[in-house]
Amino acid sequence: MGWTSTGDPYANVGDAGLGFDSEEAAKAFAEKHGWEYTVKKRQTPLLKTKAYADNFKWKGPPKTED
């Protein structure tokens, strides 16, 4: 297994490494430690509910190329 290194010790923290209750708390934490920061708002993905049986539903006759 090859190990890689970086000059930034916090590089492997990633986007999901730290979480805060508010934007102000995140900014205060970063400023306290002297870090440059970017605040990203959490986005919840829109998921469609799908059942396994949906894979076998009748979708009409096959489409032909004209």
N, C-alpha and C. Protein backbone atom coordinates (compact mmCIF):
# COMPACT_ATOMS: atom_id res chain seq x y z
N MET A 1 0.85 -1.17 0.00
CA MET A 1 0.00 0.00 0.00
C MET A 1 0.90 1.23 0.00
N GLY A 2 0.65 2.11 -0.92
CA GLY A 2 1.45 3.31 -1.00
C GLY A 2 0.82 4.44 -0.21
N TRP A 3 1.60 5.09 0.61
CA TRP A 3 1.12 6.21 1.41
C TRP A 3 1.48 7.50 0.71
N THR A 4 0.57 8.44 0.73
CA THR A 4 0.85 9.75 0.16
C THR A 4 0.83 10.77 1.28
N SER A 5 1.49 11.87 1.09
CA SER A 5 1.49 12.91 2.11
C SER A 5 1.13 14.24 1.48
N THR A 6 0.85 15.20 2.35
CA THR A 6 0.52 16.54 1.91
C THR A 6 1.05 17.52 2.94
N GLY A 7 1.24 18.74 2.54
CA GLY A 7 1.69 19.76 3.47
C GLY A 7 0.58 20.24 4.39
N ASP A 8 -0.67 19.94 4.05
CA ASP A 8 -1.81 20.36 4.85
C ASP A 8 -2.29 19.18 5.70
N PRO A 9 -2.11 19.24 7.03
CA PRO A 9 -2.52 18.11 7.86
C PRO A 9 -4.03 17.92 7.92
N TYR A 10 -4.79 18.93 7.54
CA TYR A 10 -6.25 18.82 7.59
C TYR A 10 -6.86 18.47 6.23
N ALA A 11 -6.04 18.11 5.26
CA ALA A 11 -6.53 17.82 3.92
C ALA A 11 -7.44 16.59 3.90
N ASN A 12 -7.19 15.61 4.76
CA ASN A 12 -8.02 14.40 4.73
C ASN A 12 -9.29 14.54 5.56
N VAL A 13 -9.53 15.69 6.16
CA VAL A 13 -10.76 15.88 6.90
C VAL A 13 -11.94 15.86 5.95
N GLY A 14 -11.79 16.46 4.78
CA GLY A 14 -12.84 16.42 3.77
C GLY A 14 -13.99 17.35 4.08
N ASP A 15 -15.01 17.32 3.22
CA ASP A 15 -16.16 18.21 3.36
C ASP A 15 -17.03 17.84 4.56
N ALA A 16 -17.09 16.57 4.90
CA ALA A 16 -17.98 16.13 5.97
C ALA A 16 -17.27 15.99 7.30
N GLY A 17 -16.05 16.48 7.42
CA GLY A 17 -15.28 16.28 8.65
C GLY A 17 -15.77 17.07 9.83
N LEU A 18 -16.24 18.28 9.63
CA LEU A 18 -16.69 19.11 10.73
C LEU A 18 -18.13 19.54 10.47
N GLY A 19 -18.91 19.57 11.53
CA GLY A 19 -20.29 20.01 11.41
C GLY A 19 -20.63 20.93 12.57
N PHE A 20 -21.42 21.97 12.32
CA PHE A 20 -21.76 22.95 13.34
C PHE A 20 -23.25 23.23 13.30
N ASP A 21 -23.76 23.72 14.43
CA ASP A 21 -25.19 24.02 14.52
C ASP A 21 -25.57 25.30 13.77
N SER A 22 -24.62 26.23 13.66
CA SER A 22 -24.92 27.48 12.98
C SER A 22 -23.71 27.95 12.19
N GLU A 23 -23.95 28.87 11.27
CA GLU A 23 -22.88 29.43 10.46
C GLU A 23 -21.93 30.25 11.34
N GLU A 24 -22.48 30.94 12.32
CA GLU A 24 -21.66 31.75 13.22
C GLU A 24 -20.71 30.88 14.03
N ALA A 25 -21.18 29.72 14.50
CA ALA A 25 -20.34 28.82 15.27
C ALA A 25 -19.19 28.28 14.41
N ALA A 26 -19.47 28.00 13.15
CA ALA A 26 -18.42 27.51 12.26
C ALA A 26 -17.37 28.58 12.01
N LYS A 27 -17.81 29.81 11.78
CA LYS A 27 -16.87 30.91 11.55
C LYS A 27 -16.03 31.17 12.79
N ALA A 28 -16.65 31.16 13.96
CA ALA A 28 -15.93 31.42 15.20
C ALA A 28 -14.87 30.34 15.44
N PHE A 29 -15.20 29.08 15.17
CA PHE A 29 -14.25 27.99 15.36
C PHE A 29 -13.05 28.15 14.43
N ALA A 30 -13.31 28.47 13.17
CA ALA A 30 -12.21 28.62 12.21
C ALA A 30 -11.34 29.81 12.56
N GLU A 31 -11.95 30.92 12.95
CA GLU A 31 -11.17 32.10 13.30
C GLU A 31 -10.36 31.89 14.58
N LYS A 32 -10.92 31.12 15.51
CA LYS A 32 -10.21 30.81 16.76
C LYS A 32 -8.92 30.06 16.48
N HIS A 33 -8.95 29.17 15.49
CA HIS A 33 -7.78 28.36 15.15
C HIS A 33 -6.92 28.99 14.06
N GLY A 34 -7.32 30.16 13.55
CA GLY A 34 -6.54 30.85 12.53
C GLY A 34 -6.59 30.20 11.17
N TRP A 35 -7.69 29.52 10.88
CA TRP A 35 -7.85 28.82 9.61
C TRP A 35 -8.56 29.71 8.60
N GLU A 36 -8.21 29.53 7.32
CA GLU A 36 -9.03 30.07 6.25
C GLU A 36 -10.22 29.13 6.10
N TYR A 37 -11.39 29.67 5.81
CA TYR A 37 -12.57 28.80 5.79
C TYR A 37 -13.52 29.15 4.67
N THR A 38 -14.33 28.17 4.32
CA THR A 38 -15.46 28.33 3.41
C THR A 38 -16.63 27.63 4.06
N VAL A 39 -17.72 28.36 4.26
CA VAL A 39 -18.91 27.77 4.87
C VAL A 39 -19.80 27.24 3.76
N LYS A 40 -20.10 25.95 3.82
CA LYS A 40 -20.99 25.33 2.84
C LYS A 40 -22.28 24.93 3.54
N LYS A 41 -23.39 25.36 2.99
CA LYS A 41 -24.68 24.99 3.57
C LYS A 41 -25.01 23.56 3.18
N ARG A 42 -25.58 22.84 4.12
CA ARG A 42 -25.95 21.44 3.88
C ARG A 42 -27.13 21.37 2.92
N GLN A 43 -27.00 20.53 1.91
CA GLN A 43 -28.08 20.34 0.95
C GLN A 43 -28.59 18.92 1.08
N THR A 44 -29.89 18.79 1.21
CA THR A 44 -30.48 17.46 1.28
C THR A 44 -30.88 17.05 -0.13
N PRO A 45 -30.44 15.89 -0.57
CA PRO A 45 -30.78 15.45 -1.93
C PRO A 45 -32.26 15.09 -2.04
N LEU A 46 -32.82 15.34 -3.20
CA LEU A 46 -34.19 14.94 -3.47
C LEU A 46 -34.18 13.51 -3.98
N LEU A 47 -34.76 12.63 -3.21
CA LEU A 47 -34.77 11.22 -3.57
C LEU A 47 -36.19 10.78 -3.90
N LYS A 48 -36.31 10.02 -4.96
CA LYS A 48 -37.60 9.44 -5.31
C LYS A 48 -37.69 8.09 -4.60
N THR A 49 -38.85 7.81 -4.02
CA THR A 49 -39.03 6.50 -3.43
C THR A 49 -39.23 5.50 -4.57
N LYS A 50 -38.53 4.42 -4.50
CA LYS A 50 -38.58 3.42 -5.55
C LYS A 50 -38.54 2.03 -4.91
N ALA A 51 -39.35 1.17 -5.43
CA ALA A 51 -39.38 -0.20 -4.95
C ALA A 51 -38.67 -1.11 -5.94
N TYR A 52 -38.22 -2.23 -5.46
CA TYR A 52 -37.56 -3.21 -6.32
C TYR A 52 -38.49 -3.65 -7.45
N ALA A 53 -39.79 -3.72 -7.15
CA ALA A 53 -40.76 -4.16 -8.15
C ALA A 53 -40.86 -3.17 -9.31
N ASP A 54 -40.46 -1.92 -9.11
CA ASP A 54 -40.50 -0.93 -10.19
C ASP A 54 -39.61 -1.33 -11.36
N ASN A 55 -38.60 -2.14 -11.13
CA ASN A 55 -37.72 -2.60 -12.21
C ASN A 55 -38.45 -3.50 -13.20
N PHE A 56 -39.57 -4.07 -12.79
CA PHE A 56 -40.27 -5.05 -13.63
C PHE A 56 -41.63 -4.55 -14.10
N LYS A 57 -41.93 -3.28 -13.91
CA LYS A 57 -43.22 -2.74 -14.34
C LYS A 57 -43.30 -2.69 -15.86
N TRP A 58 -44.52 -2.79 -16.37
CA TRP A 58 -44.75 -2.66 -17.80
C TRP A 58 -44.60 -1.21 -18.17
N LYS A 59 -43.71 -0.93 -19.12
CA LYS A 59 -43.45 0.45 -19.52
C LYS A 59 -43.93 0.71 -20.94
N GLY A 60 -44.75 -0.17 -21.43
CA GLY A 60 -45.27 -0.02 -22.78
C GLY A 60 -44.43 -0.79 -23.77
N PRO A 61 -44.86 -0.80 -25.03
CA PRO A 61 -44.10 -1.54 -26.04
C PRO A 61 -42.73 -0.88 -26.30
N PRO A 62 -41.78 -1.67 -26.73
CA PRO A 62 -40.46 -1.11 -26.99
C PRO A 62 -40.52 -0.05 -28.10
N LYS A 63 -39.73 0.98 -27.95
CA LYS A 63 -39.71 2.04 -28.94
C LYS A 63 -38.81 1.62 -30.10
N THR A 64 -39.30 1.91 -31.31
CA THR A 64 -38.51 1.58 -32.49
C THR A 64 -37.90 2.83 -33.06
N GLU A 65 -36.76 2.70 -33.68
CA GLU A 65 -36.10 3.83 -34.30
C GLU A 65 -36.71 4.05 -35.68
N ASP A 66 -37.11 5.27 -35.96
CA ASP A 66 -37.71 5.59 -37.27
C ASP A 66 -36.73 6.29 -38.16
